[in-house]
Amino acid sequence: MLRLDVEYDFLPRESEILHLKFWDAAFEQLKQTGVLYFETEAKTRVLGDDSAGAPRPPMARQTKMQRLIVRSNGTVTYVGKDIAYHLWKFGLLGKDFGYKQILQLSGP
């Protein structure tokens, strides 16, 4: 990123979203607002596999965007962690990463 003259003051890691319970807080908010639903029978498909039945309709004909957020084994997908990250970024989680500034350098 230095080649683009981009510097980070803070770079959160994906693993911290789970460790610091950001996902738990986000998941509760999403359930309370009704934007998530529990699917008991997911249709699984491998990319490029047409053996699962009729061909998929073109994207223009699909009416809802559906994303898998939590797998049946409890694993949170990247999409779920990204949702939690953005809720934090907009100040909607009431949580923080808790990093402490230990050194401040003054520039020229």
N, C-alpha and C. Protein backbone atom coordinates (compact mmCIF):
# COMPACT_ATOMS: atom_id res chain seq x y z
N MET A 1 0.81 -1.19 0.00
CA MET A 1 0.00 0.00 0.00
C MET A 1 0.87 1.26 0.00
N LEU A 2 2.09 1.11 0.44
CA LEU A 2 2.96 2.29 0.46
C LEU A 2 3.19 2.85 -0.93
N ARG A 3 3.20 1.96 -1.94
CA ARG A 3 3.37 2.45 -3.32
C ARG A 3 2.24 3.39 -3.72
N LEU A 4 1.08 3.20 -3.12
CA LEU A 4 -0.07 4.06 -3.41
C LEU A 4 -0.19 5.21 -2.42
N ASP A 5 0.79 5.33 -1.54
CA ASP A 5 0.81 6.35 -0.50
C ASP A 5 -0.40 6.21 0.43
N VAL A 6 -0.72 4.94 0.77
CA VAL A 6 -1.82 4.65 1.69
C VAL A 6 -1.22 4.11 2.98
N GLU A 7 -1.63 4.67 4.10
CA GLU A 7 -1.17 4.22 5.40
C GLU A 7 -2.37 3.87 6.26
N TYR A 8 -2.17 2.91 7.15
CA TYR A 8 -3.23 2.50 8.06
C TYR A 8 -2.90 2.92 9.47
N ASP A 9 -3.88 3.51 10.15
CA ASP A 9 -3.74 3.73 11.58
C ASP A 9 -4.23 2.49 12.32
N PHE A 10 -5.10 1.77 11.65
CA PHE A 10 -5.78 0.66 12.30
C PHE A 10 -6.17 -0.35 11.24
N LEU A 11 -5.85 -1.58 11.44
CA LEU A 11 -6.20 -2.63 10.48
C LEU A 11 -6.77 -3.83 11.24
N PRO A 12 -8.09 -3.90 11.37
CA PRO A 12 -8.70 -5.01 12.11
C PRO A 12 -8.56 -6.31 11.33
N ARG A 13 -8.43 -7.40 12.05
CA ARG A 13 -8.34 -8.71 11.42
C ARG A 13 -9.68 -9.44 11.52
N GLU A 14 -9.91 -10.27 10.53
CA GLU A 14 -11.17 -11.01 10.46
C GLU A 14 -11.39 -11.88 11.70
N SER A 15 -10.33 -12.48 12.20
CA SER A 15 -10.46 -13.35 13.37
C SER A 15 -10.92 -12.59 14.61
N GLU A 16 -10.59 -11.31 14.70
CA GLU A 16 -10.98 -10.51 15.87
C GLU A 16 -12.48 -10.26 15.91
N ILE A 17 -13.11 -10.27 14.76
CA ILE A 17 -14.56 -10.05 14.71
C ILE A 17 -15.28 -11.17 15.46
N LEU A 18 -14.74 -12.37 15.38
CA LEU A 18 -15.32 -13.49 16.13
C LEU A 18 -14.85 -13.49 17.57
N HIS A 19 -13.55 -13.31 17.77
CA HIS A 19 -12.97 -13.38 19.11
C HIS A 19 -13.55 -12.31 20.05
N LEU A 20 -13.76 -11.11 19.54
CA LEU A 20 -14.28 -10.01 20.36
C LEU A 20 -15.81 -9.95 20.37
N LYS A 21 -16.45 -10.98 19.83
CA LYS A 21 -17.91 -11.13 19.85
C LYS A 21 -18.66 -10.07 19.04
N PHE A 22 -17.98 -9.49 18.04
CA PHE A 22 -18.67 -8.55 17.15
C PHE A 22 -19.78 -9.27 16.40
N TRP A 23 -19.46 -10.50 15.93
CA TRP A 23 -20.46 -11.24 15.18
C TRP A 23 -21.66 -11.55 16.05
N ASP A 24 -21.44 -11.94 17.31
CA ASP A 24 -22.56 -12.27 18.19
C ASP A 24 -23.50 -11.07 18.34
N ALA A 25 -22.92 -9.88 18.53
CA ALA A 25 -23.74 -8.67 18.68
C ALA A 25 -24.48 -8.36 17.37
N ALA A 26 -23.79 -8.50 16.25
CA ALA A 26 -24.40 -8.22 14.95
C ALA A 26 -25.52 -9.22 14.67
N PHE A 27 -25.28 -10.49 14.98
CA PHE A 27 -26.27 -11.55 14.73
C PHE A 27 -27.55 -11.27 15.51
N GLU A 28 -27.42 -10.86 16.76
CA GLU A 28 -28.59 -10.52 17.58
C GLU A 28 -29.36 -9.36 16.96
N GLN A 29 -28.64 -8.33 16.52
CA GLN A 29 -29.31 -7.17 15.89
C GLN A 29 -30.04 -7.59 14.63
N LEU A 30 -29.39 -8.41 13.82
CA LEU A 30 -30.00 -8.84 12.56
C LEU A 30 -31.24 -9.70 12.81
N LYS A 31 -31.20 -10.55 13.83
CA LYS A 31 -32.37 -11.36 14.15
C LYS A 31 -33.51 -10.49 14.66
N GLN A 32 -33.19 -9.50 15.49
CA GLN A 32 -34.24 -8.63 16.05
C GLN A 32 -34.92 -7.79 14.98
N THR A 33 -34.16 -7.39 13.97
CA THR A 33 -34.75 -6.57 12.90
C THR A 33 -35.46 -7.40 11.85
N GLY A 34 -35.28 -8.72 11.91
CA GLY A 34 -35.99 -9.59 10.97
C GLY A 34 -35.38 -9.69 9.59
N VAL A 35 -34.14 -9.28 9.43
CA VAL A 35 -33.53 -9.35 8.10
C VAL A 35 -32.93 -10.72 7.80
N LEU A 36 -32.83 -11.58 8.81
CA LEU A 36 -32.33 -12.94 8.62
C LEU A 36 -33.46 -13.93 8.81
N TYR A 37 -33.33 -15.06 8.20
CA TYR A 37 -34.28 -16.14 8.45
C TYR A 37 -33.53 -17.45 8.46
N PHE A 38 -34.10 -18.42 9.13
CA PHE A 38 -33.51 -19.74 9.26
C PHE A 38 -34.01 -20.62 8.13
N GLU A 39 -33.11 -21.18 7.37
CA GLU A 39 -33.46 -22.06 6.25
C GLU A 39 -33.21 -23.50 6.69
N THR A 40 -34.25 -24.33 6.63
CA THR A 40 -34.09 -25.72 7.07
C THR A 40 -33.60 -26.63 5.95
N GLU A 41 -33.89 -26.28 4.72
CA GLU A 41 -33.47 -27.10 3.59
C GLU A 41 -32.85 -26.21 2.53
N ALA A 42 -31.54 -26.09 2.59
CA ALA A 42 -30.85 -25.26 1.61
C ALA A 42 -30.65 -26.04 0.32
N LYS A 43 -30.75 -25.34 -0.78
CA LYS A 43 -30.44 -25.94 -2.06
C LYS A 43 -28.96 -25.74 -2.31
N THR A 44 -28.24 -26.82 -2.37
CA THR A 44 -26.80 -26.71 -2.54
C THR A 44 -26.44 -26.96 -3.98
N ARG A 45 -25.47 -26.23 -4.43
CA ARG A 45 -25.07 -26.34 -5.82
C ARG A 45 -23.60 -26.05 -5.95
N VAL A 46 -22.93 -26.83 -6.73
CA VAL A 46 -21.53 -26.57 -7.03
C VAL A 46 -21.50 -25.70 -8.28
N LEU A 47 -20.65 -24.70 -8.28
CA LEU A 47 -20.56 -23.81 -9.44
C LEU A 47 -20.32 -24.62 -10.70
N GLY A 48 -21.15 -24.41 -11.69
CA GLY A 48 -21.00 -25.12 -12.95
C GLY A 48 -21.68 -26.48 -12.97
N ASP A 49 -22.33 -26.86 -11.90
CA ASP A 49 -22.98 -28.16 -11.81
C ASP A 49 -24.45 -28.00 -12.18
N ASP A 50 -24.86 -28.62 -13.27
CA ASP A 50 -26.26 -28.54 -13.68
C ASP A 50 -27.03 -29.80 -13.30
N SER A 51 -26.40 -30.68 -12.52
CA SER A 51 -27.07 -31.93 -12.16
C SER A 51 -28.11 -31.72 -11.06
N ALA A 52 -28.18 -30.54 -10.46
CA ALA A 52 -29.11 -30.30 -9.35
C ALA A 52 -30.53 -30.02 -9.82
N GLY A 53 -30.77 -30.11 -11.11
CA GLY A 53 -32.14 -29.88 -11.58
C GLY A 53 -32.16 -28.89 -12.73
N ALA A 54 -33.23 -28.13 -12.78
CA ALA A 54 -33.41 -27.16 -13.88
C ALA A 54 -32.32 -26.10 -13.84
N PRO A 55 -31.98 -25.56 -14.99
CA PRO A 55 -30.97 -24.50 -15.02
C PRO A 55 -31.40 -23.29 -14.19
N ARG A 56 -30.43 -22.62 -13.63
CA ARG A 56 -30.74 -21.43 -12.83
C ARG A 56 -31.27 -20.31 -13.71
N PRO A 57 -32.23 -19.54 -13.19
CA PRO A 57 -32.71 -18.40 -13.96
C PRO A 57 -31.64 -17.32 -14.03
N PRO A 58 -31.66 -16.51 -15.06
CA PRO A 58 -30.70 -15.41 -15.13
C PRO A 58 -30.85 -14.48 -13.93
N MET A 59 -29.79 -13.78 -13.57
CA MET A 59 -29.81 -12.89 -12.41
C MET A 59 -30.93 -11.87 -12.51
N ALA A 60 -31.25 -11.39 -13.67
CA ALA A 60 -32.29 -10.38 -13.84
C ALA A 60 -33.65 -10.89 -13.39
N ARG A 61 -33.87 -12.21 -13.47
CA ARG A 61 -35.17 -12.77 -13.10
C ARG A 61 -35.25 -13.14 -11.63
N GLN A 62 -34.14 -13.18 -10.93
CA GLN A 62 -34.18 -13.50 -9.51
C GLN A 62 -34.72 -12.31 -8.74
N THR A 63 -35.63 -12.58 -7.82
CA THR A 63 -36.29 -11.48 -7.12
C THR A 63 -35.61 -11.11 -5.81
N LYS A 64 -34.91 -12.06 -5.17
CA LYS A 64 -34.29 -11.79 -3.88
C LYS A 64 -32.82 -12.16 -3.94
N MET A 65 -32.02 -11.36 -3.26
CA MET A 65 -30.61 -11.70 -3.10
C MET A 65 -30.50 -12.52 -1.82
N GLN A 66 -30.06 -13.73 -1.93
CA GLN A 66 -29.92 -14.59 -0.75
C GLN A 66 -28.46 -14.95 -0.57
N ARG A 67 -27.98 -14.81 0.63
CA ARG A 67 -26.59 -15.14 0.95
C ARG A 67 -26.57 -16.03 2.18
N LEU A 68 -25.69 -16.99 2.17
CA LEU A 68 -25.48 -17.83 3.32
C LEU A 68 -24.62 -17.06 4.32
N ILE A 69 -25.10 -16.89 5.53
CA ILE A 69 -24.40 -16.11 6.55
C ILE A 69 -23.73 -17.04 7.56
N VAL A 70 -24.47 -18.06 8.01
CA VAL A 70 -23.94 -19.03 8.97
C VAL A 70 -24.23 -20.43 8.43
N ARG A 71 -23.19 -21.24 8.36
CA ARG A 71 -23.38 -22.61 7.88
C ARG A 71 -24.07 -23.46 8.94
N SER A 72 -24.56 -24.61 8.54
CA SER A 72 -25.28 -25.49 9.47
C SER A 72 -24.40 -25.97 10.62
N ASN A 73 -23.07 -25.94 10.44
CA ASN A 73 -22.18 -26.35 11.53
C ASN A 73 -21.80 -25.17 12.44
N GLY A 74 -22.40 -24.00 12.21
CA GLY A 74 -22.16 -22.83 13.05
C GLY A 74 -21.05 -21.91 12.59
N THR A 75 -20.37 -22.27 11.52
CA THR A 75 -19.29 -21.44 10.99
C THR A 75 -19.86 -20.20 10.33
N VAL A 76 -19.35 -19.04 10.71
CA VAL A 76 -19.78 -17.77 10.12
C VAL A 76 -19.02 -17.58 8.82
N THR A 77 -19.73 -17.26 7.75
CA THR A 77 -19.08 -17.05 6.46
C THR A 77 -18.44 -15.66 6.41
N TYR A 78 -17.67 -15.42 5.36
CA TYR A 78 -17.05 -14.11 5.18
C TYR A 78 -18.12 -13.01 5.15
N VAL A 79 -19.23 -13.28 4.49
CA VAL A 79 -20.30 -12.30 4.39
C VAL A 79 -20.79 -11.89 5.78
N GLY A 80 -20.95 -12.86 6.67
CA GLY A 80 -21.40 -12.56 8.03
C GLY A 80 -20.40 -11.69 8.78
N LYS A 81 -19.11 -12.04 8.66
CA LYS A 81 -18.08 -11.24 9.34
C LYS A 81 -18.00 -9.84 8.74
N ASP A 82 -18.23 -9.74 7.45
CA ASP A 82 -18.20 -8.43 6.78
C ASP A 82 -19.37 -7.57 7.25
N ILE A 83 -20.53 -8.16 7.44
CA ILE A 83 -21.69 -7.43 7.96
C ILE A 83 -21.38 -6.88 9.34
N ALA A 84 -20.80 -7.72 10.21
CA ALA A 84 -20.46 -7.29 11.57
C ALA A 84 -19.43 -6.15 11.52
N TYR A 85 -18.45 -6.27 10.64
CA TYR A 85 -17.43 -5.23 10.51
C TYR A 85 -18.06 -3.89 10.10
N HIS A 86 -18.96 -3.93 9.16
CA HIS A 86 -19.59 -2.68 8.69
C HIS A 86 -20.54 -2.10 9.74
N LEU A 87 -21.21 -2.94 10.49
CA LEU A 87 -22.03 -2.41 11.58
C LEU A 87 -21.15 -1.70 12.61
N TRP A 88 -19.97 -2.28 12.89
CA TRP A 88 -19.01 -1.62 13.80
C TRP A 88 -18.54 -0.29 13.20
N LYS A 89 -18.20 -0.33 11.92
CA LYS A 89 -17.65 0.86 11.25
C LYS A 89 -18.64 2.03 11.31
N PHE A 90 -19.92 1.74 11.24
CA PHE A 90 -20.93 2.79 11.30
C PHE A 90 -21.38 3.08 12.73
N GLY A 91 -20.71 2.48 13.71
CA GLY A 91 -21.02 2.75 15.11
C GLY A 91 -22.31 2.14 15.60
N LEU A 92 -22.73 1.04 15.00
CA LEU A 92 -24.02 0.45 15.34
C LEU A 92 -23.92 -0.78 16.24
N LEU A 93 -22.70 -1.16 16.64
CA LEU A 93 -22.54 -2.36 17.46
C LEU A 93 -22.38 -2.06 18.94
N GLY A 94 -21.93 -0.86 19.28
CA GLY A 94 -21.66 -0.56 20.68
C GLY A 94 -20.45 -1.31 21.20
N LYS A 95 -19.55 -1.69 20.31
CA LYS A 95 -18.32 -2.40 20.67
C LYS A 95 -17.15 -1.72 20.00
N ASP A 96 -15.95 -2.05 20.48
CA ASP A 96 -14.75 -1.51 19.85
C ASP A 96 -13.66 -2.56 19.93
N PHE A 97 -12.66 -2.43 19.10
CA PHE A 97 -11.57 -3.39 19.07
C PHE A 97 -10.66 -3.27 20.29
N GLY A 98 -10.66 -2.13 20.95
CA GLY A 98 -9.93 -1.98 22.20
C GLY A 98 -8.42 -1.87 22.06
N TYR A 99 -7.95 -1.50 20.90
CA TYR A 99 -6.51 -1.30 20.74
C TYR A 99 -6.07 -0.08 21.52
N LYS A 100 -4.86 -0.14 22.05
CA LYS A 100 -4.30 0.99 22.78
C LYS A 100 -3.15 1.57 21.99
N GLN A 101 -3.07 2.88 21.98
CA GLN A 101 -1.95 3.53 21.30
C GLN A 101 -0.76 3.48 22.27
N ILE A 102 0.33 2.87 21.86
CA ILE A 102 1.46 2.74 22.76
C ILE A 102 2.63 3.63 22.36
N LEU A 103 2.62 4.17 21.16
CA LEU A 103 3.70 5.01 20.71
C LEU A 103 3.17 5.99 19.68
N GLN A 104 3.49 7.23 19.88
CA GLN A 104 3.08 8.23 18.89
C GLN A 104 4.34 8.88 18.35
N LEU A 105 4.50 8.82 17.05
CA LEU A 105 5.65 9.41 16.40
C LEU A 105 5.27 10.74 15.80
N SER A 106 6.17 11.72 15.91
CA SER A 106 5.90 12.99 15.26
C SER A 106 6.69 13.05 13.97
N GLY A 107 6.03 13.51 12.97
CA GLY A 107 6.68 13.60 11.64
C GLY A 107 7.32 14.95 11.44
N PRO A 108 8.01 15.08 10.31
CA PRO A 108 8.68 16.37 10.01
C PRO A 108 7.70 17.50 9.77
